[in-house]
């Protein structure tokens, strides 16, 4: 195989991996849900309250998708009334570094915007 073909193949594989990641973490809420669960298990209502603006129906849908993909574990607690708790699975923990990089970049970006606004 020529060097050009290897580069093209590597590029395609790279883009496929990015696409797969983006599809899994797509939408307005999934990254924020994982970010909240980075701090430990949370009950449904506490999770909803920690993510400003998410509706209960949407949170439920996104949690189901994350659970289906093996990133989140749902546990029904033996309480009255029954409560449901969510936590990252061992596999879900592997997403933490990605979320941390996104959060750090977001902090830097916000600081830059504030500096730029003050400079005007």
PDB file of N, CA and C in Angstrom:
ATOM      1  N   UNK A   1       0.841  -1.179   0.000  1.00  0.00           N
ATOM      2  CA  UNK A   1       0.000   0.000   0.000  1.00  0.00           C
ATOM      3  C   UNK A   1       0.887   1.244   0.000  1.00  0.00           C
ATOM      4  N   UNK A   2       0.535   2.184  -0.799  1.00  0.00           N
ATOM      5  CA  UNK A   2       1.302   3.420  -0.867  1.00  0.00           C
ATOM      6  C   UNK A   2       1.007   4.303   0.335  1.00  0.00           C
ATOM      7  N   UNK A   3       1.926   5.242   0.581  1.00  0.00           N
ATOM      8  CA  UNK A   3       1.785   6.158   1.713  1.00  0.00           C
ATOM      9  C   UNK A   3       0.490   6.965   1.612  1.00  0.00           C
ATOM     10  N   UNK A   4       0.150   7.411   0.397  1.00  0.00           N
ATOM     11  CA  UNK A   4      -1.076   8.204   0.194  1.00  0.00           C
ATOM     12  C   UNK A   4      -2.321   7.395   0.553  1.00  0.00           C
ATOM     13  N   UNK A   5      -2.330   6.108   0.172  1.00  0.00           N
ATOM     14  CA  UNK A   5      -3.465   5.246   0.495  1.00  0.00           C
ATOM     15  C   UNK A   5      -3.570   5.018   2.000  1.00  0.00           C
ATOM     16  N   UNK A   6      -2.420   4.875   2.672  1.00  0.00           N
ATOM     17  CA  UNK A   6      -2.416   4.713   4.123  1.00  0.00           C
ATOM     18  C   UNK A   6      -2.974   5.953   4.805  1.00  0.00           C
ATOM     19  N   UNK A   7      -2.569   7.127   4.336  1.00  0.00           N
ATOM     20  CA  UNK A   7      -3.075   8.373   4.903  1.00  0.00           C
ATOM     21  C   UNK A   7      -4.576   8.497   4.698  1.00  0.00           C
ATOM     22  N   UNK A   8      -5.031   8.146   3.489  1.00  0.00           N
ATOM     23  CA  UNK A   8      -6.462   8.225   3.196  1.00  0.00           C
ATOM     24  C   UNK A   8      -7.240   7.257   4.078  1.00  0.00           C
ATOM     25  N   UNK A   9      -6.720   6.057   4.264  1.00  0.00           N
ATOM     26  CA  UNK A   9      -7.367   5.062   5.102  1.00  0.00           C
ATOM     27  C   UNK A   9      -7.398   5.523   6.564  1.00  0.00           C
ATOM     28  N   UNK A  10      -6.297   6.064   7.039  1.00  0.00           N
ATOM     29  CA  UNK A  10      -6.226   6.566   8.415  1.00  0.00           C
ATOM     30  C   UNK A  10      -7.185   7.730   8.606  1.00  0.00           C
ATOM     31  N   UNK A  11      -7.280   8.595   7.603  1.00  0.00           N
ATOM     32  CA  UNK A  11      -8.180   9.741   7.679  1.00  0.00           C
ATOM     33  C   UNK A  11      -9.635   9.269   7.756  1.00  0.00           C
ATOM     34  N   UNK A  12     -10.000   8.307   6.932  1.00  0.00           N
ATOM     35  CA  UNK A  12     -11.366   7.776   6.950  1.00  0.00           C
ATOM     36  C   UNK A  12     -11.691   7.149   8.305  1.00  0.00           C
ATOM     37  N   UNK A  13     -10.756   6.381   8.846  1.00  0.00           N
ATOM     38  CA  UNK A  13     -10.962   5.746  10.144  1.00  0.00           C
ATOM     39  C   UNK A  13     -11.102   6.801  11.235  1.00  0.00           C
ATOM     40  N   UNK A  14     -10.298   7.848  11.136  1.00  0.00           N
ATOM     41  CA  UNK A  14     -10.340   8.947  12.105  1.00  0.00           C
ATOM     42  C   UNK A  14     -11.697   9.639  12.068  1.00  0.00           C
ATOM     43  N   UNK A  15     -12.175   9.944  10.880  1.00  0.00           N
ATOM     44  CA  UNK A  15     -13.475  10.603  10.732  1.00  0.00           C
ATOM     45  C   UNK A  15     -14.621   9.704  11.184  1.00  0.00           C
ATOM     46  N   UNK A  16     -14.509   8.415  10.931  1.00  0.00           N
ATOM     47  CA  UNK A  16     -15.532   7.463  11.373  1.00  0.00           C
ATOM     48  C   UNK A  16     -15.590   7.435  12.907  1.00  0.00           C
ATOM     49  N   UNK A  17     -14.436   7.435  13.543  1.00  0.00           N
ATOM     50  CA  UNK A  17     -14.381   7.432  15.008  1.00  0.00           C
ATOM     51  C   UNK A  17     -14.993   8.716  15.571  1.00  0.00           C
ATOM     52  N   UNK A  18     -14.707   9.845  14.956  1.00  0.00           N
ATOM     53  CA  UNK A  18     -15.289  11.121  15.390  1.00  0.00           C
ATOM     54  C   UNK A  18     -16.801  11.093  15.217  1.00  0.00           C
ATOM     55  N   UNK A  19     -17.263  10.599  14.073  1.00  0.00           N
ATOM     56  CA  UNK A  19     -18.698  10.515  13.821  1.00  0.00           C
ATOM     57  C   UNK A  19     -19.397   9.645  14.861  1.00  0.00           C
ATOM     58  N   UNK A  20     -18.802   8.496  15.160  1.00  0.00           N
ATOM     59  CA  UNK A  20     -19.392   7.594  16.147  1.00  0.00           C
ATOM     60  C   UNK A  20     -19.498   8.270  17.514  1.00  0.00           C
ATOM     61  N   UNK A  21     -18.457   8.974  17.903  1.00  0.00           N
ATOM     62  CA  UNK A  21     -18.458   9.677  19.192  1.00  0.00           C
ATOM     63  C   UNK A  21     -19.500  10.774  19.206  1.00  0.00           C
ATOM     64  N   UNK A  22     -19.547  11.552  18.129  1.00  0.00           N
ATOM     65  CA  UNK A  22     -20.508  12.649  18.061  1.00  0.00           C
ATOM     66  C   UNK A  22     -21.942  12.133  18.067  1.00  0.00           C
ATOM     67  N   UNK A  23     -22.216  11.034  17.389  1.00  0.00           N
ATOM     68  CA  UNK A  23     -23.560  10.461  17.394  1.00  0.00           C
ATOM     69  C   UNK A  23     -23.950   9.996  18.788  1.00  0.00           C
ATOM     70  N   UNK A  24     -23.014   9.381  19.503  1.00  0.00           N
ATOM     71  CA  UNK A  24     -23.305   8.892  20.844  1.00  0.00           C
ATOM     72  C   UNK A  24     -23.551  10.045  21.817  1.00  0.00           C
ATOM     73  N   UNK A  25     -22.763  11.111  21.695  1.00  0.00           N
ATOM     74  CA  UNK A  25     -22.851  12.232  22.639  1.00  0.00           C
ATOM     75  C   UNK A  25     -23.620  13.424  22.073  1.00  0.00           C
ATOM     76  N   UNK A  26     -24.334  13.216  20.982  1.00  0.00           N
ATOM     77  CA  UNK A  26     -25.020  14.322  20.315  1.00  0.00           C
ATOM     78  C   UNK A  26     -26.175  14.862  21.139  1.00  0.00           C
ATOM     79  N   UNK A  27     -26.595  16.028  20.750  1.00  0.00           N
ATOM     80  CA  UNK A  27     -27.728  16.655  21.410  1.00  0.00           C
ATOM     81  C   UNK A  27     -27.270  17.648  22.458  1.00  0.00           C
ATOM     82  N   UNK A  28     -28.243  18.284  23.004  1.00  0.00           N
ATOM     83  CA  UNK A  28     -28.008  19.375  23.942  1.00  0.00           C
ATOM     84  C   UNK A  28     -27.701  18.883  25.357  1.00  0.00           C
ATOM     85  N   UNK A  29     -28.087  17.651  25.679  1.00  0.00           N
ATOM     86  CA  UNK A  29     -28.105  17.240  27.079  1.00  0.00           C
ATOM     87  C   UNK A  29     -27.135  16.153  27.482  1.00  0.00           C
ATOM     88  N   UNK A  30     -26.748  15.253  26.612  1.00  0.00           N
ATOM     89  CA  UNK A  30     -25.982  14.070  27.016  1.00  0.00           C
ATOM     90  C   UNK A  30     -24.652  14.419  27.672  1.00  0.00           C
ATOM     91  N   UNK A  31     -23.920  15.339  27.100  1.00  0.00           N
ATOM     92  CA  UNK A  31     -22.633  15.710  27.689  1.00  0.00           C
ATOM     93  C   UNK A  31     -22.852  16.330  29.063  1.00  0.00           C
ATOM     94  N   UNK A  32     -23.893  17.117  29.200  1.00  0.00           N
ATOM     95  CA  UNK A  32     -24.190  17.738  30.498  1.00  0.00           C
ATOM     96  C   UNK A  32     -24.630  16.691  31.523  1.00  0.00           C
ATOM     97  N   UNK A  33     -25.361  15.684  31.091  1.00  0.00           N
ATOM     98  CA  UNK A  33     -25.771  14.605  31.992  1.00  0.00           C
ATOM     99  C   UNK A  33     -24.535  13.856  32.490  1.00  0.00           C
ATOM    100  N   UNK A  34     -23.666  13.487  31.569  1.00  0.00           N
ATOM    101  CA  UNK A  34     -22.438  12.782  31.953  1.00  0.00           C
ATOM    102  C   UNK A  34     -21.592  13.672  32.864  1.00  0.00           C
ATOM    103  N   UNK A  35     -21.533  14.962  32.536  1.00  0.00           N
ATOM    104  CA  UNK A  35     -20.788  15.902  33.368  1.00  0.00           C
ATOM    105  C   UNK A  35     -21.326  15.951  34.789  1.00  0.00           C
ATOM    106  N   UNK A  36     -22.638  15.930  34.944  1.00  0.00           N
ATOM    107  CA  UNK A  36     -23.240  15.937  36.284  1.00  0.00           C
ATOM    108  C   UNK A  36     -22.940  14.636  37.010  1.00  0.00           C
ATOM    109  N   UNK A  37     -23.008  13.522  36.293  1.00  0.00           N
ATOM    110  CA  UNK A  37     -22.754  12.224  36.912  1.00  0.00           C
ATOM    111  C   UNK A  37     -21.275  11.989  37.203  1.00  0.00           C
ATOM    112  N   UNK A  38     -20.408  12.846  36.661  1.00  0.00           N
ATOM    113  CA  UNK A  38     -18.978  12.790  37.002  1.00  0.00           C
ATOM    114  C   UNK A  38     -18.770  12.928  38.501  1.00  0.00           C
ATOM    115  N   UNK A  39     -19.683  13.612  39.168  1.00  0.00           N
ATOM    116  CA  UNK A  39     -19.537  13.895  40.590  1.00  0.00           C
ATOM    117  C   UNK A  39     -20.135  12.809  41.472  1.00  0.00           C
ATOM    118  N   UNK A  40     -20.667  11.761  40.856  1.00  0.00           N
ATOM    119  CA  UNK A  40     -21.202  10.638  41.616  1.00  0.00           C
ATOM    120  C   UNK A  40     -22.645  10.358  41.269  1.00  0.00           C
ATOM    121  N   UNK A  41     -23.186   9.266  41.845  1.00  0.00           N
ATOM    122  CA  UNK A  41     -24.575   8.874  41.567  1.00  0.00           C
ATOM    123  C   UNK A  41     -25.555   9.970  41.970  1.00  0.00           C
ATOM    124  N   UNK A  42     -26.642  10.085  41.208  1.00  0.00           N
ATOM    125  CA  UNK A  42     -27.661  11.093  41.497  1.00  0.00           C
ATOM    126  C   UNK A  42     -29.041  10.508  41.257  1.00  0.00           C
ATOM    127  N   UNK A  43     -29.968  10.913  42.091  1.00  0.00           N
ATOM    128  CA  UNK A  43     -31.363  10.565  41.860  1.00  0.00           C
ATOM    129  C   UNK A  43     -31.888  11.409  40.705  1.00  0.00           C
ATOM    130  N   UNK A  44     -32.953  10.917  40.091  1.00  0.00           N
ATOM    131  CA  UNK A  44     -33.496  11.559  38.899  1.00  0.00           C
ATOM    132  C   UNK A  44     -33.774  13.043  39.117  1.00  0.00           C
ATOM    133  N   UNK A  45     -34.493  13.384  40.170  1.00  0.00           N
ATOM    134  CA  UNK A  45     -34.880  14.783  40.379  1.00  0.00           C
ATOM    135  C   UNK A  45     -33.669  15.667  40.686  1.00  0.00           C
ATOM    136  N   UNK A  46     -32.703  15.140  41.411  1.00  0.00           N
ATOM    137  CA  UNK A  46     -31.484  15.911  41.689  1.00  0.00           C
ATOM    138  C   UNK A  46     -30.723  16.156  40.384  1.00  0.00           C
ATOM    139  N   UNK A  47     -30.694  15.159  39.532  1.00  0.00           N
ATOM    140  CA  UNK A  47     -30.040  15.300  38.230  1.00  0.00           C
ATOM    141  C   UNK A  47     -30.769  16.339  37.385  1.00  0.00           C
ATOM    142  N   UNK A  48     -32.081  16.277  37.379  1.00  0.00           N
ATOM    143  CA  UNK A  48     -32.883  17.253  36.634  1.00  0.00           C
ATOM    144  C   UNK A  48     -32.616  18.671  37.129  1.00  0.00           C
ATOM    145  N   UNK A  49     -32.570  18.842  38.431  1.00  0.00           N
ATOM    146  CA  UNK A  49     -32.326  20.169  39.005  1.00  0.00           C
ATOM    147  C   UNK A  49     -30.917  20.674  38.730  1.00  0.00           C
ATOM    148  N   UNK A  50     -29.967  19.758  38.585  1.00  0.00           N
ATOM    149  CA  UNK A  50     -28.577  20.177  38.348  1.00  0.00           C
ATOM    150  C   UNK A  50     -28.323  20.587  36.900  1.00  0.00           C
ATOM    151  N   UNK A  51     -29.249  20.229  36.004  1.00  0.00           N
ATOM    152  CA  UNK A  51     -29.092  20.554  34.578  1.00  0.00           C
ATOM    153  C   UNK A  51     -30.172  21.565  34.209  1.00  0.00           C
ATOM    154  N   UNK A  52     -29.812  22.803  34.253  1.00  0.00           N
ATOM    155  CA  UNK A  52     -30.749  23.899  34.024  1.00  0.00           C
ATOM    156  C   UNK A  52     -31.425  23.791  32.654  1.00  0.00           C
ATOM    157  N   UNK A  53     -32.755  23.753  32.666  1.00  0.00           N
ATOM    158  CA  UNK A  53     -33.515  23.809  31.424  1.00  0.00           C
ATOM    159  C   UNK A  53     -33.972  22.487  30.851  1.00  0.00           C
ATOM    160  N   UNK A  54     -33.490  21.371  31.367  1.00  0.00           N
ATOM    161  CA  UNK A  54     -33.899  20.085  30.799  1.00  0.00           C
ATOM    162  C   UNK A  54     -35.261  19.685  31.359  1.00  0.00           C
ATOM    163  N   UNK A  55     -36.142  19.232  30.476  1.00  0.00           N
ATOM    164  CA  UNK A  55     -37.459  18.740  30.884  1.00  0.00           C
ATOM    165  C   UNK A  55     -37.327  17.291  31.347  1.00  0.00           C
ATOM    166  N   UNK A  56     -38.197  16.881  32.238  1.00  0.00           N
ATOM    167  CA  UNK A  56     -38.150  15.521  32.775  1.00  0.00           C
ATOM    168  C   UNK A  56     -38.252  14.477  31.668  1.00  0.00           C
ATOM    169  N   UNK A  57     -39.129  14.708  30.711  1.00  0.00           N
ATOM    170  CA  UNK A  57     -39.321  13.755  29.608  1.00  0.00           C
ATOM    171  C   UNK A  57     -38.035  13.624  28.781  1.00  0.00           C
ATOM    172  N   UNK A  58     -37.379  14.757  28.497  1.00  0.00           N
ATOM    173  CA  UNK A  58     -36.137  14.736  27.719  1.00  0.00           C
ATOM    174  C   UNK A  58     -35.019  14.075  28.513  1.00  0.00           C
ATOM    175  N   UNK A  59     -34.923  14.390  29.796  1.00  0.00           N
ATOM    176  CA  UNK A  59     -33.892  13.777  30.640  1.00  0.00           C
ATOM    177  C   UNK A  59     -34.070  12.266  30.662  1.00  0.00           C
ATOM    178  N   UNK A  60     -35.294  11.818  30.815  1.00  0.00           N
ATOM    179  CA  UNK A  60     -35.586  10.387  30.827  1.00  0.00           C
ATOM    180  C   UNK A  60     -35.158   9.733  29.518  1.00  0.00           C
ATOM    181  N   UNK A  61     -35.482  10.371  28.399  1.00  0.00           N
ATOM    182  CA  UNK A  61     -35.123   9.843  27.073  1.00  0.00           C
ATOM    183  C   UNK A  61     -33.606   9.755  26.911  1.00  0.00           C
ATOM    184  N   UNK A  62     -32.908  10.810  27.295  1.00  0.00           N
ATOM    185  CA  UNK A  62     -31.451  10.842  27.146  1.00  0.00           C
ATOM    186  C   UNK A  62     -30.791   9.811  28.065  1.00  0.00           C
ATOM    187  N   UNK A  63     -31.305   9.658  29.283  1.00  0.00           N
ATOM    188  CA  UNK A  63     -30.763   8.658  30.199  1.00  0.00           C
ATOM    189  C   UNK A  63     -30.967   7.249  29.654  1.00  0.00           C
ATOM    190  N   UNK A  64     -32.131   7.004  29.040  1.00  0.00           N
ATOM    191  CA  UNK A  64     -32.380   5.692  28.445  1.00  0.00           C
ATOM    192  C   UNK A  64     -31.366   5.400  27.338  1.00  0.00           C
ATOM    193  N   UNK A  65     -31.072   6.393  26.500  1.00  0.00           N
ATOM    194  CA  UNK A  65     -30.093   6.203  25.425  1.00  0.00           C
ATOM    195  C   UNK A  65     -28.693   5.963  25.988  1.00  0.00           C
ATOM    196  N   UNK A  66     -28.335   6.714  27.016  1.00  0.00           N
ATOM    197  CA  UNK A  66     -27.024   6.520  27.644  1.00  0.00           C
ATOM    198  C   UNK A  66     -26.929   5.144  28.300  1.00  0.00           C
ATOM    199  N   UNK A  67     -28.039   4.691  28.874  1.00  0.00           N
ATOM    200  CA  UNK A  67     -28.072   3.363  29.482  1.00  0.00           C
ATOM    201  C   UNK A  67     -27.970   2.283  28.400  1.00  0.00           C
ATOM    202  N   UNK A  68     -28.686   2.468  27.317  1.00  0.00           N
ATOM    203  CA  UNK A  68     -28.650   1.524  26.197  1.00  0.00           C
ATOM    204  C   UNK A  68     -27.231   1.368  25.641  1.00  0.00           C
ATOM    205  N   UNK A  69     -26.467   2.465  25.654  1.00  0.00           N
ATOM    206  CA  UNK A  69     -25.094   2.440  25.138  1.00  0.00           C
ATOM    207  C   UNK A  69     -24.069   2.061  26.208  1.00  0.00           C
ATOM    208  N   UNK A  70     -24.534   1.702  27.387  1.00  0.00           N
ATOM    209  CA  UNK A  70     -23.646   1.191  28.416  1.00  0.00           C
ATOM    210  C   UNK A  70     -22.874   2.238  29.195  1.00  0.00           C
ATOM    211  N   UNK A  71     -23.277   3.508  29.089  1.00  0.00           N
ATOM    212  CA  UNK A  71     -22.551   4.566  29.780  1.00  0.00           C
ATOM    213  C   UNK A  71     -23.124   4.872  31.163  1.00  0.00           C
ATOM    214  N   UNK A  72     -24.413   4.601  31.344  1.00  0.00           N
ATOM    215  CA  UNK A  72     -25.103   4.939  32.584  1.00  0.00           C
ATOM    216  C   UNK A  72     -25.821   3.701  33.117  1.00  0.00           C
ATOM    217  N   UNK A  73     -25.808   3.569  34.437  1.00  0.00           N
ATOM    218  CA  UNK A  73     -26.521   2.478  35.103  1.00  0.00           C
ATOM    219  C   UNK A  73     -27.688   3.084  35.888  1.00  0.00           C
ATOM    220  N   UNK A  74     -28.844   2.473  35.749  1.00  0.00           N
ATOM    221  CA  UNK A  74     -30.063   2.899  36.446  1.00  0.00           C
ATOM    222  C   UNK A  74     -30.342   1.912  37.562  1.00  0.00           C
ATOM    223  N   UNK A  75     -30.546   2.423  38.763  1.00  0.00           N
ATOM    224  CA  UNK A  75     -30.861   1.568  39.909  1.00  0.00           C
ATOM    225  C   UNK A  75     -32.149   2.053  40.558  1.00  0.00           C
ATOM    226  N   UNK A  76     -33.075   1.122  40.789  1.00  0.00           N
ATOM    227  CA  UNK A  76     -34.308   1.438  41.508  1.00  0.00           C
ATOM    228  C   UNK A  76     -34.011   1.183  42.975  1.00  0.00           C
ATOM    229  N   UNK A  77     -34.164   2.227  43.783  1.00  0.00           N
ATOM    230  CA  UNK A  77     -33.855   2.130  45.202  1.00  0.00           C
ATOM    231  C   UNK A  77     -35.062   1.602  45.973  1.00  0.00           C
ATOM    232  N   UNK A  78     -34.804   0.842  47.003  1.00  0.00           N
ATOM    233  CA  UNK A  78     -35.855   0.250  47.831  1.00  0.00           C
ATOM    234  C   UNK A  78     -36.285   1.271  48.884  1.00  0.00           C
ATOM    235  N   UNK A  79     -36.959   2.318  48.429  1.00  0.00           N
ATOM    236  CA  UNK A  79     -37.420   3.390  49.316  1.00  0.00           C
ATOM    237  C   UNK A  79     -38.909   3.601  49.094  1.00  0.00           C
ATOM    238  N   UNK A  80     -39.514   4.343  49.988  1.00  0.00           N
ATOM    239  CA  UNK A  80     -40.916   4.732  49.807  1.00  0.00           C
ATOM    240  C   UNK A  80     -40.968   6.236  49.847  1.00  0.00           C
ATOM    241  N   UNK A  81     -41.416   6.913  48.826  1.00  0.00           N
ATOM    242  CA  UNK A  81     -41.745   6.337  47.523  1.00  0.00           C
ATOM    243  C   UNK A  81     -40.483   5.846  46.818  1.00  0.00           C
ATOM    244  N   UNK A  82     -40.681   5.015  45.833  1.00  0.00           N
ATOM    245  CA  UNK A  82     -39.561   4.448  45.081  1.00  0.00           C
ATOM    246  C   UNK A  82     -38.784   5.572  44.414  1.00  0.00           C
ATOM    247  N   UNK A  83     -37.474   5.499  44.507  1.00  0.00           N
ATOM    248  CA  UNK A  83     -36.606   6.484  43.866  1.00  0.00           C
ATOM    249  C   UNK A  83     -35.687   5.756  42.889  1.00  0.00           C
ATOM    250  N   UNK A  84     -35.248   6.488  41.874  1.00  0.00           N
ATOM    251  CA  UNK A  84     -34.347   5.940  40.871  1.00  0.00           C
ATOM    252  C   UNK A  84     -33.053   6.745  40.916  1.00  0.00           C
ATOM    253  N   UNK A  85     -31.942   6.023  40.888  1.00  0.00           N
ATOM    254  CA  UNK A  85     -30.634   6.665  40.932  1.00  0.00           C
ATOM    255  C   UNK A  85     -29.846   6.278  39.686  1.00  0.00           C
ATOM    256  N   UNK A  86     -29.065   7.217  39.190  1.00  0.00           N
ATOM    257  CA  UNK A  86     -28.252   6.989  38.003  1.00  0.00           C
ATOM    258  C   UNK A  86     -26.795   7.210  38.359  1.00  0.00           C
ATOM    259  N   UNK A  87     -25.942   6.428  37.710  1.00  0.00           N
ATOM    260  CA  UNK A  87     -24.500   6.604  37.884  1.00  0.00           C
ATOM    261  C   UNK A  87     -23.792   6.158  36.616  1.00  0.00           C
ATOM    262  N   UNK A  88     -22.570   6.638  36.449  1.00  0.00           N
ATOM    263  CA  UNK A  88     -21.778   6.213  35.307  1.00  0.00           C
ATOM    264  C   UNK A  88     -21.340   4.770  35.519  1.00  0.00           C
ATOM    265  N   UNK A  89     -21.343   3.998  34.472  1.00  0.00           N
ATOM    266  CA  UNK A  89     -20.808   2.645  34.527  1.00  0.00           C
ATOM    267  C   UNK A  89     -19.285   2.743  34.427  1.00  0.00           C
ATOM    268  N   UNK A  90     -18.626   1.615  34.551  1.00  0.00           N
ATOM    269  CA  UNK A  90     -17.171   1.593  34.371  1.00  0.00           C
ATOM    270  C   UNK A  90     -16.829   2.096  32.961  1.00  0.00           C
ATOM    271  N   UNK A  91     -17.617   1.674  31.994  1.00  0.00           N
ATOM    272  CA  UNK A  91     -17.414   2.139  30.619  1.00  0.00           C
ATOM    273  C   UNK A  91     -17.710   3.636  30.513  1.00  0.00           C
ATOM    274  N   UNK A  92     -18.750   4.104  31.186  1.00  0.00           N
ATOM    275  CA  UNK A  92     -19.084   5.519  31.195  1.00  0.00           C
ATOM    276  C   UNK A  92     -17.973   6.369  31.785  1.00  0.00           C
ATOM    277  N   UNK A  93     -17.244   5.804  32.737  1.00  0.00           N
ATOM    278  CA  UNK A  93     -16.111   6.513  33.346  1.00  0.00           C
ATOM    279  C   UNK A  93     -15.046   6.852  32.300  1.00  0.00           C
ATOM    280  N   UNK A  94     -14.981   6.078  31.220  1.00  0.00           N
ATOM    281  CA  UNK A  94     -13.963   6.340  30.195  1.00  0.00           C
ATOM    282  C   UNK A  94     -14.242   7.625  29.425  1.00  0.00           C
ATOM    283  N   UNK A  95     -15.453   8.162  29.546  1.00  0.00           N
ATOM    284  CA  UNK A  95     -15.816   9.410  28.865  1.00  0.00           C
ATOM    285  C   UNK A  95     -15.390  10.634  29.689  1.00  0.00           C
ATOM    286  N   UNK A  96     -15.123  10.433  30.981  1.00  0.00           N
ATOM    287  CA  UNK A  96     -14.770  11.536  31.867  1.00  0.00           C
ATOM    288  C   UNK A  96     -13.661  12.445  31.314  1.00  0.00           C
ATOM    289  N   UNK A  97     -12.559  11.895  30.818  1.00  0.00           N
ATOM    290  CA  UNK A  97     -11.508  12.792  30.314  1.00  0.00           C
ATOM    291  C   UNK A  97     -11.980  13.695  29.169  1.00  0.00           C
ATOM    292  N   UNK A  98     -12.857  13.187  28.334  1.00  0.00           N
ATOM    293  CA  UNK A  98     -13.398  13.991  27.238  1.00  0.00           C
ATOM    294  C   UNK A  98     -14.220  15.143  27.799  1.00  0.00           C
ATOM    295  N   UNK A  99     -15.066  14.848  28.777  1.00  0.00           N
ATOM    296  CA  UNK A  99     -15.919  15.864  29.396  1.00  0.00           C
ATOM    297  C   UNK A  99     -15.059  16.910  30.101  1.00  0.00           C
ATOM    298  N   UNK A 100     -14.010  16.466  30.776  1.00  0.00           N
ATOM    299  CA  UNK A 100     -13.124  17.399  31.482  1.00  0.00           C
ATOM    300  C   UNK A 100     -12.423  18.345  30.508  1.00  0.00           C
ATOM    301  N   UNK A 101     -11.982  17.830  29.360  1.00  0.00           N
ATOM    302  CA  UNK A 101     -11.338  18.680  28.350  1.00  0.00           C
ATOM    303  C   UNK A 101     -12.343  19.692  27.804  1.00  0.00           C
ATOM    304  N   UNK A 102     -13.561  19.254  27.543  1.00  0.00           N
ATOM    305  CA  UNK A 102     -14.604  20.163  27.056  1.00  0.00           C
ATOM    306  C   UNK A 102     -14.875  21.257  28.087  1.00  0.00           C
ATOM    307  N   UNK A 103     -14.989  20.862  29.358  1.00  0.00           N
ATOM    308  CA  UNK A 103     -15.258  21.835  30.422  1.00  0.00           C
ATOM    309  C   UNK A 103     -14.108  22.838  30.546  1.00  0.00           C
ATOM    310  N   UNK A 104     -12.881  22.356  30.497  1.00  0.00           N
ATOM    311  CA  UNK A 104     -11.727  23.251  30.618  1.00  0.00           C
ATOM    312  C   UNK A 104     -11.673  24.223  29.442  1.00  0.00           C
ATOM    313  N   UNK A 105     -11.924  23.722  28.231  1.00  0.00           N
ATOM    314  CA  UNK A 105     -11.936  24.605  27.065  1.00  0.00           C
ATOM    315  C   UNK A 105     -13.045  25.643  27.206  1.00  0.00           C
ATOM    316  N   UNK A 106     -14.198  25.228  27.691  1.00  0.00           N
ATOM    317  CA  UNK A 106     -15.312  26.148  27.894  1.00  0.00           C
ATOM    318  C   UNK A 106     -14.959  27.260  28.872  1.00  0.00           C
ATOM    319  N   UNK A 107     -14.260  26.927  29.953  1.00  0.00           N
ATOM    320  CA  UNK A 107     -13.821  27.944  30.919  1.00  0.00           C
ATOM    321  C   UNK A 107     -12.876  28.940  30.258  1.00  0.00           C
ATOM    322  N   UNK A 108     -11.924  28.419  29.503  1.00  0.00           N
ATOM    323  CA  UNK A 108     -10.969  29.289  28.810  1.00  0.00           C
ATOM    324  C   UNK A 108     -11.677  30.184  27.800  1.00  0.00           C
ATOM    325  N   UNK A 109     -12.611  29.628  27.079  1.00  0.00           N
ATOM    326  CA  UNK A 109     -13.347  30.392  26.070  1.00  0.00           C
ATOM    327  C   UNK A 109     -14.159  31.508  26.721  1.00  0.00           C
ATOM    328  N   UNK A 110     -14.844  31.190  27.810  1.00  0.00           N
ATOM    329  CA  UNK A 110     -15.636  32.196  28.522  1.00  0.00           C
ATOM    330  C   UNK A 110     -14.725  33.322  29.017  1.00  0.00           C
ATOM    331  N   UNK A 111     -13.572  32.964  29.567  1.00  0.00           N
ATOM    332  CA  UNK A 111     -12.618  33.978  30.040  1.00  0.00           C
ATOM    333  C   UNK A 111     -12.148  34.867  28.896  1.00  0.00           C
ATOM    334  N   UNK A 112     -11.892  34.253  27.749  1.00  0.00           N
ATOM    335  CA  UNK A 112     -11.461  35.017  26.569  1.00  0.00           C
ATOM    336  C   UNK A 112     -12.544  35.996  26.138  1.00  0.00           C
ATOM    337  N   UNK A 113     -13.791  35.526  26.088  1.00  0.00           N
ATOM    338  CA  UNK A 113     -14.894  36.396  25.688  1.00  0.00           C
ATOM    339  C   UNK A 113     -15.026  37.580  26.645  1.00  0.00           C
ATOM    340  N   UNK A 114     -14.906  37.325  27.923  1.00  0.00           N
ATOM    341  CA  UNK A 114     -15.014  38.398  28.920  1.00  0.00           C
ATOM    342  C   UNK A 114     -13.874  39.386  28.749  1.00  0.00           C
ATOM    343  N   UNK A 115     -12.649  38.868  28.537  1.00  0.00           N
ATOM    344  CA  UNK A 115     -11.501  39.755  28.312  1.00  0.00           C
ATOM    345  C   UNK A 115     -11.696  40.599  27.075  1.00  0.00           C
ATOM    346  N   UNK A 116     -12.191  39.965  25.997  1.00  0.00           N
ATOM    347  CA  UNK A 116     -12.405  40.688  24.742  1.00  0.00           C
ATOM    348  C   UNK A 116     -13.467  41.764  24.901  1.00  0.00           C
ATOM    349  N   UNK A 117     -14.528  41.478  25.662  1.00  0.00           N
ATOM    350  CA  UNK A 117     -15.587  42.455  25.880  1.00  0.00           C
ATOM    351  C   UNK A 117     -15.067  43.644  26.678  1.00  0.00           C
ATOM    352  N   UNK A 118     -14.219  43.395  27.659  1.00  0.00           N
ATOM    353  CA  UNK A 118     -13.658  44.467  28.476  1.00  0.00           C
ATOM    354  C   UNK A 118     -12.697  45.332  27.678  1.00  0.00           C
ATOM    355  N   UNK A 119     -12.031  44.707  26.691  1.00  0.00           N
ATOM    356  CA  UNK A 119     -11.046  45.430  25.882  1.00  0.00           C
ATOM    357  C   UNK A 119     -11.710  46.373  24.883  1.00  0.00           C
ATOM    358  N   UNK A 120     -12.978  46.148  24.588  1.00  0.00           N
ATOM    359  CA  UNK A 120     -13.666  46.982  23.583  1.00  0.00           C
ATOM    360  C   UNK A 120     -13.997  48.332  24.078  1.00  0.00           C
TER     361      UNK A 120
END
